[in-house]
N, C-alpha and C. Protein backbone atom coordinates (compact mmCIF):
# COMPACT_ATOMS: atom_id res chain seq x y z
N MET A 1 7.38 -18.68 12.47
CA MET A 1 8.28 -17.63 12.02
C MET A 1 8.27 -16.47 13.02
N PHE A 2 7.19 -15.68 13.06
CA PHE A 2 7.08 -14.61 14.03
C PHE A 2 6.17 -15.07 15.16
N GLU A 3 6.54 -14.74 16.37
CA GLU A 3 5.75 -15.12 17.53
C GLU A 3 5.19 -13.86 18.18
N ILE A 4 3.87 -13.87 18.43
CA ILE A 4 3.22 -12.73 19.07
C ILE A 4 3.01 -13.08 20.54
N ASP A 5 3.65 -12.32 21.41
CA ASP A 5 3.46 -12.51 22.85
C ASP A 5 3.32 -11.13 23.49
N PHE A 6 3.31 -11.09 24.81
CA PHE A 6 3.13 -9.83 25.53
C PHE A 6 4.21 -8.81 25.15
N ILE A 7 5.43 -9.28 24.99
CA ILE A 7 6.53 -8.37 24.65
C ILE A 7 6.31 -7.78 23.25
N GLU A 8 5.85 -8.60 22.30
CA GLU A 8 5.56 -8.08 20.95
C GLU A 8 4.39 -7.10 20.97
N ILE A 9 3.43 -7.31 21.85
CA ILE A 9 2.31 -6.36 21.97
C ILE A 9 2.83 -5.01 22.42
N ILE A 10 3.73 -5.00 23.39
CA ILE A 10 4.36 -3.74 23.80
C ILE A 10 5.11 -3.13 22.62
N GLY A 11 5.79 -3.97 21.86
CA GLY A 11 6.50 -3.51 20.67
C GLY A 11 5.56 -2.89 19.64
N PHE A 12 4.40 -3.50 19.44
CA PHE A 12 3.42 -2.96 18.50
C PHE A 12 2.90 -1.60 18.96
N ILE A 13 2.64 -1.46 20.25
CA ILE A 13 2.17 -0.16 20.77
C ILE A 13 3.24 0.90 20.56
N ALA A 14 4.48 0.57 20.89
CA ALA A 14 5.59 1.51 20.68
C ALA A 14 5.75 1.83 19.19
N ALA A 15 5.60 0.82 18.36
CA ALA A 15 5.75 1.01 16.91
C ALA A 15 4.68 1.94 16.37
N ILE A 16 3.45 1.76 16.81
CA ILE A 16 2.36 2.62 16.35
C ILE A 16 2.63 4.07 16.76
N LEU A 17 3.05 4.28 17.99
CA LEU A 17 3.28 5.64 18.47
C LEU A 17 4.45 6.30 17.75
N THR A 18 5.58 5.62 17.65
CA THR A 18 6.76 6.25 17.05
C THR A 18 6.63 6.40 15.54
N THR A 19 6.04 5.43 14.89
CA THR A 19 5.87 5.51 13.44
C THR A 19 4.86 6.58 13.07
N SER A 20 3.77 6.65 13.81
CA SER A 20 2.73 7.64 13.49
C SER A 20 3.21 9.07 13.71
N ALA A 21 4.28 9.25 14.46
CA ALA A 21 4.82 10.59 14.69
C ALA A 21 5.30 11.24 13.39
N PHE A 22 5.67 10.44 12.40
CA PHE A 22 6.13 10.98 11.12
C PHE A 22 4.99 11.39 10.19
N VAL A 23 3.81 10.85 10.40
CA VAL A 23 2.69 11.10 9.49
C VAL A 23 2.33 12.58 9.37
N PRO A 24 2.20 13.34 10.47
CA PRO A 24 1.87 14.76 10.31
C PRO A 24 2.90 15.55 9.51
N GLN A 25 4.18 15.22 9.68
CA GLN A 25 5.23 15.92 8.93
C GLN A 25 5.14 15.60 7.44
N VAL A 26 4.91 14.35 7.12
CA VAL A 26 4.78 13.96 5.71
C VAL A 26 3.56 14.66 5.11
N TYR A 27 2.45 14.66 5.81
CA TYR A 27 1.23 15.28 5.30
C TYR A 27 1.41 16.79 5.11
N LYS A 28 1.98 17.45 6.12
CA LYS A 28 2.19 18.90 6.03
C LYS A 28 3.13 19.25 4.87
N THR A 29 4.19 18.49 4.73
CA THR A 29 5.14 18.76 3.65
C THR A 29 4.51 18.51 2.29
N TRP A 30 3.71 17.47 2.19
CA TRP A 30 3.02 17.17 0.93
C TRP A 30 2.05 18.29 0.56
N LYS A 31 1.31 18.80 1.55
CA LYS A 31 0.32 19.84 1.28
C LYS A 31 0.98 21.19 0.97
N THR A 32 1.99 21.58 1.75
CA THR A 32 2.57 22.91 1.62
C THR A 32 3.77 22.96 0.68
N LYS A 33 4.41 21.83 0.48
CA LYS A 33 5.65 21.74 -0.30
C LYS A 33 6.76 22.60 0.31
N ASP A 34 6.61 22.93 1.59
CA ASP A 34 7.61 23.71 2.31
C ASP A 34 8.60 22.75 2.98
N VAL A 35 9.83 22.75 2.51
CA VAL A 35 10.85 21.84 3.03
C VAL A 35 12.01 22.59 3.71
N GLU A 36 11.82 23.87 3.95
CA GLU A 36 12.91 24.67 4.54
C GLU A 36 13.37 24.15 5.89
N GLY A 37 12.45 23.62 6.68
CA GLY A 37 12.81 23.13 8.02
C GLY A 37 13.25 21.68 8.05
N ILE A 38 13.39 21.06 6.92
CA ILE A 38 13.75 19.64 6.88
C ILE A 38 15.24 19.50 6.58
N SER A 39 15.95 18.86 7.50
CA SER A 39 17.38 18.64 7.34
C SER A 39 17.60 17.34 6.57
N LEU A 40 18.15 17.48 5.37
CA LEU A 40 18.42 16.31 4.54
C LEU A 40 19.40 15.37 5.24
N THR A 41 20.44 15.92 5.83
CA THR A 41 21.44 15.10 6.52
C THR A 41 20.80 14.29 7.65
N MET A 42 19.99 14.95 8.46
CA MET A 42 19.35 14.26 9.58
C MET A 42 18.46 13.13 9.09
N PHE A 43 17.68 13.38 8.04
CA PHE A 43 16.78 12.34 7.56
C PHE A 43 17.53 11.20 6.86
N LEU A 44 18.65 11.49 6.22
CA LEU A 44 19.47 10.41 5.64
C LEU A 44 20.07 9.53 6.73
N VAL A 45 20.55 10.15 7.80
CA VAL A 45 21.08 9.38 8.93
C VAL A 45 19.95 8.58 9.59
N MET A 46 18.79 9.21 9.78
CA MET A 46 17.65 8.53 10.38
C MET A 46 17.21 7.35 9.52
N PHE A 47 17.16 7.54 8.20
CA PHE A 47 16.77 6.49 7.27
C PHE A 47 17.72 5.29 7.38
N THR A 48 19.01 5.57 7.45
CA THR A 48 20.01 4.51 7.60
C THR A 48 19.80 3.76 8.90
N GLY A 49 19.56 4.49 9.97
CA GLY A 49 19.31 3.86 11.27
C GLY A 49 18.06 3.00 11.26
N VAL A 50 17.00 3.48 10.64
CA VAL A 50 15.75 2.73 10.56
C VAL A 50 15.95 1.46 9.73
N LEU A 51 16.71 1.55 8.64
CA LEU A 51 16.99 0.35 7.85
C LEU A 51 17.76 -0.69 8.67
N LEU A 52 18.69 -0.22 9.50
CA LEU A 52 19.43 -1.15 10.36
C LEU A 52 18.52 -1.76 11.42
N TRP A 53 17.59 -0.96 11.97
CA TRP A 53 16.59 -1.52 12.90
C TRP A 53 15.73 -2.56 12.21
N LEU A 54 15.40 -2.32 10.95
CA LEU A 54 14.62 -3.28 10.17
C LEU A 54 15.38 -4.60 10.04
N VAL A 55 16.65 -4.53 9.68
CA VAL A 55 17.47 -5.74 9.57
C VAL A 55 17.53 -6.45 10.93
N TYR A 56 17.72 -5.69 11.98
CA TYR A 56 17.76 -6.25 13.33
C TYR A 56 16.44 -6.95 13.66
N GLY A 57 15.32 -6.30 13.35
CA GLY A 57 14.02 -6.89 13.60
C GLY A 57 13.82 -8.19 12.85
N ILE A 58 14.31 -8.25 11.62
CA ILE A 58 14.23 -9.49 10.84
C ILE A 58 15.09 -10.58 11.49
N LEU A 59 16.30 -10.21 11.90
CA LEU A 59 17.21 -11.19 12.48
C LEU A 59 16.70 -11.77 13.80
N ILE A 60 15.99 -10.96 14.59
CA ILE A 60 15.46 -11.48 15.87
C ILE A 60 14.01 -11.93 15.75
N ASN A 61 13.47 -11.91 14.53
CA ASN A 61 12.09 -12.35 14.28
C ASN A 61 11.06 -11.55 15.06
N SER A 62 11.20 -10.23 15.05
CA SER A 62 10.26 -9.36 15.75
C SER A 62 9.34 -8.71 14.73
N LEU A 63 8.11 -9.19 14.66
CA LEU A 63 7.15 -8.67 13.70
C LEU A 63 6.88 -7.18 13.93
N SER A 64 6.78 -6.76 15.18
CA SER A 64 6.52 -5.35 15.46
C SER A 64 7.65 -4.46 14.95
N MET A 65 8.88 -4.89 15.12
CA MET A 65 10.02 -4.11 14.63
C MET A 65 10.05 -4.08 13.11
N VAL A 66 9.73 -5.19 12.48
CA VAL A 66 9.76 -5.25 11.03
C VAL A 66 8.69 -4.33 10.45
N ILE A 67 7.47 -4.46 10.91
CA ILE A 67 6.37 -3.64 10.39
C ILE A 67 6.63 -2.16 10.64
N ALA A 68 7.01 -1.82 11.88
CA ALA A 68 7.26 -0.41 12.22
C ALA A 68 8.35 0.19 11.36
N ASN A 69 9.43 -0.54 11.17
CA ASN A 69 10.56 0.02 10.44
C ASN A 69 10.36 0.02 8.94
N VAL A 70 9.55 -0.87 8.41
CA VAL A 70 9.19 -0.78 6.99
C VAL A 70 8.36 0.49 6.77
N ILE A 71 7.35 0.70 7.60
CA ILE A 71 6.49 1.88 7.45
C ILE A 71 7.27 3.15 7.70
N THR A 72 8.08 3.17 8.76
CA THR A 72 8.87 4.36 9.07
C THR A 72 9.86 4.67 7.95
N SER A 73 10.49 3.65 7.40
CA SER A 73 11.45 3.92 6.31
C SER A 73 10.74 4.50 5.09
N ILE A 74 9.51 4.05 4.81
CA ILE A 74 8.75 4.61 3.69
C ILE A 74 8.42 6.08 3.97
N LEU A 75 8.00 6.39 5.20
CA LEU A 75 7.68 7.78 5.55
C LEU A 75 8.91 8.67 5.47
N ILE A 76 10.03 8.21 5.99
CA ILE A 76 11.26 9.00 5.95
C ILE A 76 11.74 9.16 4.51
N LEU A 77 11.69 8.11 3.74
CA LEU A 77 12.10 8.20 2.34
C LEU A 77 11.22 9.19 1.58
N THR A 78 9.93 9.22 1.92
CA THR A 78 9.02 10.19 1.31
C THR A 78 9.46 11.62 1.64
N LEU A 79 9.83 11.86 2.89
CA LEU A 79 10.31 13.20 3.28
C LEU A 79 11.62 13.54 2.57
N ILE A 80 12.50 12.57 2.41
CA ILE A 80 13.75 12.81 1.70
C ILE A 80 13.47 13.19 0.25
N VAL A 81 12.56 12.46 -0.39
CA VAL A 81 12.20 12.77 -1.77
C VAL A 81 11.58 14.16 -1.86
N PHE A 82 10.67 14.49 -0.94
CA PHE A 82 10.08 15.84 -0.92
C PHE A 82 11.16 16.89 -0.74
N ARG A 83 12.10 16.64 0.16
CA ARG A 83 13.17 17.61 0.44
C ARG A 83 13.99 17.87 -0.81
N ILE A 84 14.32 16.81 -1.54
CA ILE A 84 15.11 16.95 -2.76
C ILE A 84 14.28 17.62 -3.86
N LYS A 85 13.04 17.20 -4.00
CA LYS A 85 12.18 17.70 -5.08
C LYS A 85 11.78 19.16 -4.90
N TYR A 86 11.44 19.57 -3.68
CA TYR A 86 10.88 20.90 -3.45
C TYR A 86 11.89 21.93 -2.93
N TYR A 87 13.11 21.52 -2.64
CA TYR A 87 14.09 22.47 -2.11
C TYR A 87 14.51 23.48 -3.15
N LYS A 88 14.46 24.74 -2.78
CA LYS A 88 14.88 25.82 -3.68
C LYS A 88 16.05 26.55 -3.05
N LYS A 89 17.18 26.54 -3.72
CA LYS A 89 18.36 27.25 -3.21
C LYS A 89 18.14 28.75 -3.35
N LYS A 90 18.61 29.47 -2.36
CA LYS A 90 18.45 30.94 -2.37
C LYS A 90 19.64 31.61 -2.98
């Protein structure tokens, strides 16, 4: 089903780096509940793009793309939920 080769190893390294970039933002938002700097539109567009990358990864049988985009979509969805839940209109 999925084949792990040198190219997939590069994909896993890239996936770890790009996916982990969202972790500090999720953690900070969870701790502070401050969502003023979070653009809902940007994260909705990003979430859609990540879901399409996930579909693409499934279609080309790329385990690194599938894992990275599942985790990234969960992190982005978490930020979207925080943004909706904690946003206070002025």
